[in-house]
């Protein structure tokens, strides 16, 4: 039924099909031809518009705030996933906030996985030990054991070997 209505009614306005140009048109002329479409309320996303570089300090501040605002387990794990998806190792202050957030929602396995993710993220064993030394006080305060302490005979995972 809908196809009959569409086929019977003539196209009175210019459609996207009639705007299509051959590939030989220049970028400038194609932008000029798209201007009426842009003014007509057509929405176009610009993904690269917000791609300003974030400094390490801004990264640290942003994730400290996000861990402070995380109110349930899903939010804590979502922020953890986002934090560790960047191509850098989070600062100890961010990891401390992550551990406090995991314990606030009463999830010990997530707190233990923070250290697993850290082990996977650092470049060598010395960096991992430096992070463990830096976070030793918070680990003792919150009672968060390491996976290596819980399973001493377990084979090494994909992290440091």
C-alpha atoms as a PDB file:
ATOM      1  CA  UNK A   1       0.000   0.000   0.000  1.00  0.00           C
ATOM      2  CA  UNK A   2       2.763   2.405   0.905  1.00  0.00           C
ATOM      3  CA  UNK A   3       4.614   1.645  -2.327  1.00  0.00           C
ATOM      4  CA  UNK A   4       1.546   2.629  -4.357  1.00  0.00           C
ATOM      5  CA  UNK A   5       1.360   5.985  -2.608  1.00  0.00           C
ATOM      6  CA  UNK A   6       5.052   6.645  -3.152  1.00  0.00           C
ATOM      7  CA  UNK A   7       4.976   5.650  -6.813  1.00  0.00           C
ATOM      8  CA  UNK A   8       1.810   7.623  -7.621  1.00  0.00           C
ATOM      9  CA  UNK A   9       2.958  10.903  -6.080  1.00  0.00           C
ATOM     10  CA  UNK A  10       5.482  12.814  -8.197  1.00  0.00           C
ATOM     11  CA  UNK A  11       8.630  13.988  -6.539  1.00  0.00           C
ATOM     12  CA  UNK A  12       8.026  17.670  -6.071  1.00  0.00           C
ATOM     13  CA  UNK A  13      11.173  18.477  -4.114  1.00  0.00           C
ATOM     14  CA  UNK A  14      14.730  17.635  -4.831  1.00  0.00           C
ATOM     15  CA  UNK A  15      15.701  14.306  -3.281  1.00  0.00           C
ATOM     16  CA  UNK A  16      19.072  12.877  -2.359  1.00  0.00           C
ATOM     17  CA  UNK A  17      19.039  10.778  -5.513  1.00  0.00           C
ATOM     18  CA  UNK A  18      18.888  13.824  -7.777  1.00  0.00           C
ATOM     19  CA  UNK A  19      21.682  15.575  -5.840  1.00  0.00           C
ATOM     20  CA  UNK A  20      24.176  12.801  -6.517  1.00  0.00           C
ATOM     21  CA  UNK A  21      27.023  14.071  -8.722  1.00  0.00           C
ATOM     22  CA  UNK A  22      29.578  12.255 -10.804  1.00  0.00           C
ATOM     23  CA  UNK A  23      32.875  11.510  -9.117  1.00  0.00           C
ATOM     24  CA  UNK A  24      34.634  14.096 -11.241  1.00  0.00           C
ATOM     25  CA  UNK A  25      33.206  17.063  -9.318  1.00  0.00           C
ATOM     26  CA  UNK A  26      35.622  18.847  -7.077  1.00  0.00           C
ATOM     27  CA  UNK A  27      35.393  18.983  -3.318  1.00  0.00           C
ATOM     28  CA  UNK A  28      34.667  22.692  -3.411  1.00  0.00           C
ATOM     29  CA  UNK A  29      31.741  22.388  -5.778  1.00  0.00           C
ATOM     30  CA  UNK A  30      30.289  19.432  -3.854  1.00  0.00           C
ATOM     31  CA  UNK A  31      30.425  21.471  -0.631  1.00  0.00           C
ATOM     32  CA  UNK A  32      28.638  24.315  -2.367  1.00  0.00           C
ATOM     33  CA  UNK A  33      25.930  21.932  -3.565  1.00  0.00           C
ATOM     34  CA  UNK A  34      25.481  20.446  -0.072  1.00  0.00           C
ATOM     35  CA  UNK A  35      24.969  23.853   1.547  1.00  0.00           C
ATOM     36  CA  UNK A  36      21.183  23.866   0.964  1.00  0.00           C
ATOM     37  CA  UNK A  37      20.982  20.429   2.593  1.00  0.00           C
ATOM     38  CA  UNK A  38      22.990  21.599   5.595  1.00  0.00           C
ATOM     39  CA  UNK A  39      20.684  24.582   6.040  1.00  0.00           C
ATOM     40  CA  UNK A  40      17.572  22.427   5.742  1.00  0.00           C
ATOM     41  CA  UNK A  41      18.042  20.779   9.143  1.00  0.00           C
ATOM     42  CA  UNK A  42      19.986  17.723   7.990  1.00  0.00           C
ATOM     43  CA  UNK A  43      22.263  16.615  10.795  1.00  0.00           C
ATOM     44  CA  UNK A  44      25.820  15.574  10.068  1.00  0.00           C
ATOM     45  CA  UNK A  45      28.117  14.198  12.746  1.00  0.00           C
ATOM     46  CA  UNK A  46      31.668  15.418  12.971  1.00  0.00           C
ATOM     47  CA  UNK A  47      33.585  12.802  14.900  1.00  0.00           C
ATOM     48  CA  UNK A  48      36.942  14.532  14.750  1.00  0.00           C
ATOM     49  CA  UNK A  49      35.690  17.842  16.118  1.00  0.00           C
ATOM     50  CA  UNK A  50      36.288  16.870  19.762  1.00  0.00           C
ATOM     51  CA  UNK A  51      39.634  15.199  19.193  1.00  0.00           C
ATOM     52  CA  UNK A  52      41.691  17.650  21.245  1.00  0.00           C
ATOM     53  CA  UNK A  53      44.613  15.975  22.947  1.00  0.00           C
ATOM     54  CA  UNK A  54      44.113  15.355  26.657  1.00  0.00           C
ATOM     55  CA  UNK A  55      47.101  15.765  28.948  1.00  0.00           C
ATOM     56  CA  UNK A  56      47.999  13.100  31.483  1.00  0.00           C
ATOM     57  CA  UNK A  57      46.938  15.404  34.321  1.00  0.00           C
ATOM     58  CA  UNK A  58      43.524  15.991  32.704  1.00  0.00           C
ATOM     59  CA  UNK A  59      43.177  12.228  32.163  1.00  0.00           C
ATOM     60  CA  UNK A  60      44.004  11.600  35.817  1.00  0.00           C
ATOM     61  CA  UNK A  61      41.591  14.254  37.080  1.00  0.00           C
ATOM     62  CA  UNK A  62      38.779  13.042  34.830  1.00  0.00           C
ATOM     63  CA  UNK A  63      39.033   9.415  35.929  1.00  0.00           C
ATOM     64  CA  UNK A  64      39.443  10.299  39.611  1.00  0.00           C
ATOM     65  CA  UNK A  65      36.167  12.204  39.331  1.00  0.00           C
ATOM     66  CA  UNK A  66      34.458   9.373  37.434  1.00  0.00           C
ATOM     67  CA  UNK A  67      35.487   6.790  40.046  1.00  0.00           C
ATOM     68  CA  UNK A  68      34.226   9.088  42.809  1.00  0.00           C
ATOM     69  CA  UNK A  69      30.862   9.360  41.043  1.00  0.00           C
ATOM     70  CA  UNK A  70      30.489   5.639  40.233  1.00  0.00           C
ATOM     71  CA  UNK A  71      27.476   4.460  42.229  1.00  0.00           C
ATOM     72  CA  UNK A  72      27.157   0.766  41.375  1.00  0.00           C
ATOM     73  CA  UNK A  73      29.197  -2.170  40.126  1.00  0.00           C
ATOM     74  CA  UNK A  74      28.285  -1.614  36.484  1.00  0.00           C
ATOM     75  CA  UNK A  75      29.529   1.987  36.611  1.00  0.00           C
ATOM     76  CA  UNK A  76      32.768   1.018  38.364  1.00  0.00           C
ATOM     77  CA  UNK A  77      33.517  -1.674  35.794  1.00  0.00           C
ATOM     78  CA  UNK A  78      32.555   0.622  32.905  1.00  0.00           C
ATOM     79  CA  UNK A  79      34.910   3.351  34.126  1.00  0.00           C
ATOM     80  CA  UNK A  80      37.659   0.780  34.729  1.00  0.00           C
ATOM     81  CA  UNK A  81      37.256  -0.526  31.193  1.00  0.00           C
ATOM     82  CA  UNK A  82      37.416   3.000  29.778  1.00  0.00           C
ATOM     83  CA  UNK A  83      40.418   3.897  31.931  1.00  0.00           C
ATOM     84  CA  UNK A  84      42.471   0.879  30.893  1.00  0.00           C
ATOM     85  CA  UNK A  85      41.490   1.155  27.215  1.00  0.00           C
ATOM     86  CA  UNK A  86      43.843   4.110  26.708  1.00  0.00           C
ATOM     87  CA  UNK A  87      47.410   3.631  25.576  1.00  0.00           C
ATOM     88  CA  UNK A  88      48.908   4.602  28.925  1.00  0.00           C
ATOM     89  CA  UNK A  89      49.182   3.295  32.453  1.00  0.00           C
ATOM     90  CA  UNK A  90      46.894   5.161  34.886  1.00  0.00           C
ATOM     91  CA  UNK A  91      48.466   7.126  37.724  1.00  0.00           C
ATOM     92  CA  UNK A  92      48.497   5.599  41.217  1.00  0.00           C
ATOM     93  CA  UNK A  93      45.918   8.200  42.307  1.00  0.00           C
ATOM     94  CA  UNK A  94      43.485   6.877  39.682  1.00  0.00           C
ATOM     95  CA  UNK A  95      44.116   3.294  40.773  1.00  0.00           C
ATOM     96  CA  UNK A  96      43.515   4.276  44.387  1.00  0.00           C
ATOM     97  CA  UNK A  97      40.157   5.812  43.447  1.00  0.00           C
ATOM     98  CA  UNK A  98      39.340   2.670  41.439  1.00  0.00           C
ATOM     99  CA  UNK A  99      40.115   0.438  44.433  1.00  0.00           C
ATOM    100  CA  UNK A 100      38.041   2.617  46.755  1.00  0.00           C
ATOM    101  CA  UNK A 101      35.146   2.572  44.271  1.00  0.00           C
ATOM    102  CA  UNK A 102      35.316  -1.230  43.975  1.00  0.00           C
ATOM    103  CA  UNK A 103      35.248  -1.621  47.737  1.00  0.00           C
ATOM    104  CA  UNK A 104      32.481   0.997  48.059  1.00  0.00           C
ATOM    105  CA  UNK A 105      30.221  -1.174  45.901  1.00  0.00           C
ATOM    106  CA  UNK A 106      31.487  -4.183  47.885  1.00  0.00           C
ATOM    107  CA  UNK A 107      33.097  -6.073  45.013  1.00  0.00           C
ATOM    108  CA  UNK A 108      36.422  -7.630  45.956  1.00  0.00           C
ATOM    109  CA  UNK A 109      36.950  -9.443  42.602  1.00  0.00           C
ATOM    110  CA  UNK A 110      36.890  -6.116  40.732  1.00  0.00           C
ATOM    111  CA  UNK A 111      39.451  -4.695  43.163  1.00  0.00           C
ATOM    112  CA  UNK A 112      41.701  -7.699  42.536  1.00  0.00           C
ATOM    113  CA  UNK A 113      41.264  -7.292  38.769  1.00  0.00           C
ATOM    114  CA  UNK A 114      42.540  -3.724  38.993  1.00  0.00           C
ATOM    115  CA  UNK A 115      45.946  -5.203  39.801  1.00  0.00           C
ATOM    116  CA  UNK A 116      45.613  -7.825  37.069  1.00  0.00           C
ATOM    117  CA  UNK A 117      44.909  -5.076  34.534  1.00  0.00           C
ATOM    118  CA  UNK A 118      47.829  -3.073  35.902  1.00  0.00           C
ATOM    119  CA  UNK A 119      50.152  -6.054  35.499  1.00  0.00           C
ATOM    120  CA  UNK A 120      49.028  -6.452  31.904  1.00  0.00           C
ATOM    121  CA  UNK A 121      49.398  -2.729  31.169  1.00  0.00           C
ATOM    122  CA  UNK A 122      52.918  -1.990  32.471  1.00  0.00           C
ATOM    123  CA  UNK A 123      55.987  -2.608  30.336  1.00  0.00           C
ATOM    124  CA  UNK A 124      58.129  -4.636  32.750  1.00  0.00           C
ATOM    125  CA  UNK A 125      58.258  -6.279  36.156  1.00  0.00           C
ATOM    126  CA  UNK A 126      60.058  -3.326  37.776  1.00  0.00           C
ATOM    127  CA  UNK A 127      57.226  -0.932  36.913  1.00  0.00           C
ATOM    128  CA  UNK A 128      54.680  -3.379  38.312  1.00  0.00           C
ATOM    129  CA  UNK A 129      56.645  -3.676  41.566  1.00  0.00           C
ATOM    130  CA  UNK A 130      56.900   0.131  41.794  1.00  0.00           C
ATOM    131  CA  UNK A 131      53.119   0.431  41.456  1.00  0.00           C
ATOM    132  CA  UNK A 132      52.614  -2.292  44.071  1.00  0.00           C
ATOM    133  CA  UNK A 133      54.940  -0.465  46.459  1.00  0.00           C
ATOM    134  CA  UNK A 134      53.111   2.823  45.840  1.00  0.00           C
ATOM    135  CA  UNK A 135      49.701   1.216  46.426  1.00  0.00           C
ATOM    136  CA  UNK A 136      50.755  -1.027  49.328  1.00  0.00           C
ATOM    137  CA  UNK A 137      49.100   1.180  51.956  1.00  0.00           C
ATOM    138  CA  UNK A 138      45.721   1.280  50.198  1.00  0.00           C
ATOM    139  CA  UNK A 139      45.868  -2.470  49.568  1.00  0.00           C
ATOM    140  CA  UNK A 140      46.407  -3.131  53.270  1.00  0.00           C
ATOM    141  CA  UNK A 141      43.761  -0.592  54.301  1.00  0.00           C
ATOM    142  CA  UNK A 142      41.089  -2.093  52.032  1.00  0.00           C
ATOM    143  CA  UNK A 143      42.231  -5.708  52.402  1.00  0.00           C
ATOM    144  CA  UNK A 144      42.758  -6.314  48.691  1.00  0.00           C
ATOM    145  CA  UNK A 145      45.009  -9.319  48.018  1.00  0.00           C
ATOM    146  CA  UNK A 146      46.834  -9.900  44.744  1.00  0.00           C
ATOM    147  CA  UNK A 147      45.979 -12.787  42.464  1.00  0.00           C
ATOM    148  CA  UNK A 148      49.547 -14.028  42.947  1.00  0.00           C
ATOM    149  CA  UNK A 149      48.933 -14.215  46.708  1.00  0.00           C
ATOM    150  CA  UNK A 150      45.640 -16.070  46.300  1.00  0.00           C
ATOM    151  CA  UNK A 151      46.908 -18.560  43.705  1.00  0.00           C
ATOM    152  CA  UNK A 152      50.687 -18.912  44.087  1.00  0.00           C
ATOM    153  CA  UNK A 153      50.900 -22.057  41.931  1.00  0.00           C
ATOM    154  CA  UNK A 154      48.768 -20.729  39.075  1.00  0.00           C
ATOM    155  CA  UNK A 155      50.403 -20.429  35.663  1.00  0.00           C
ATOM    156  CA  UNK A 156      51.364 -16.951  34.489  1.00  0.00           C
ATOM    157  CA  UNK A 157      48.691 -15.152  32.456  1.00  0.00           C
ATOM    158  CA  UNK A 158      49.073 -12.885  29.457  1.00  0.00           C
ATOM    159  CA  UNK A 159      50.752 -10.128  31.515  1.00  0.00           C
ATOM    160  CA  UNK A 160      54.381 -10.116  32.536  1.00  0.00           C
ATOM    161  CA  UNK A 161      56.103 -13.462  32.119  1.00  0.00           C
END
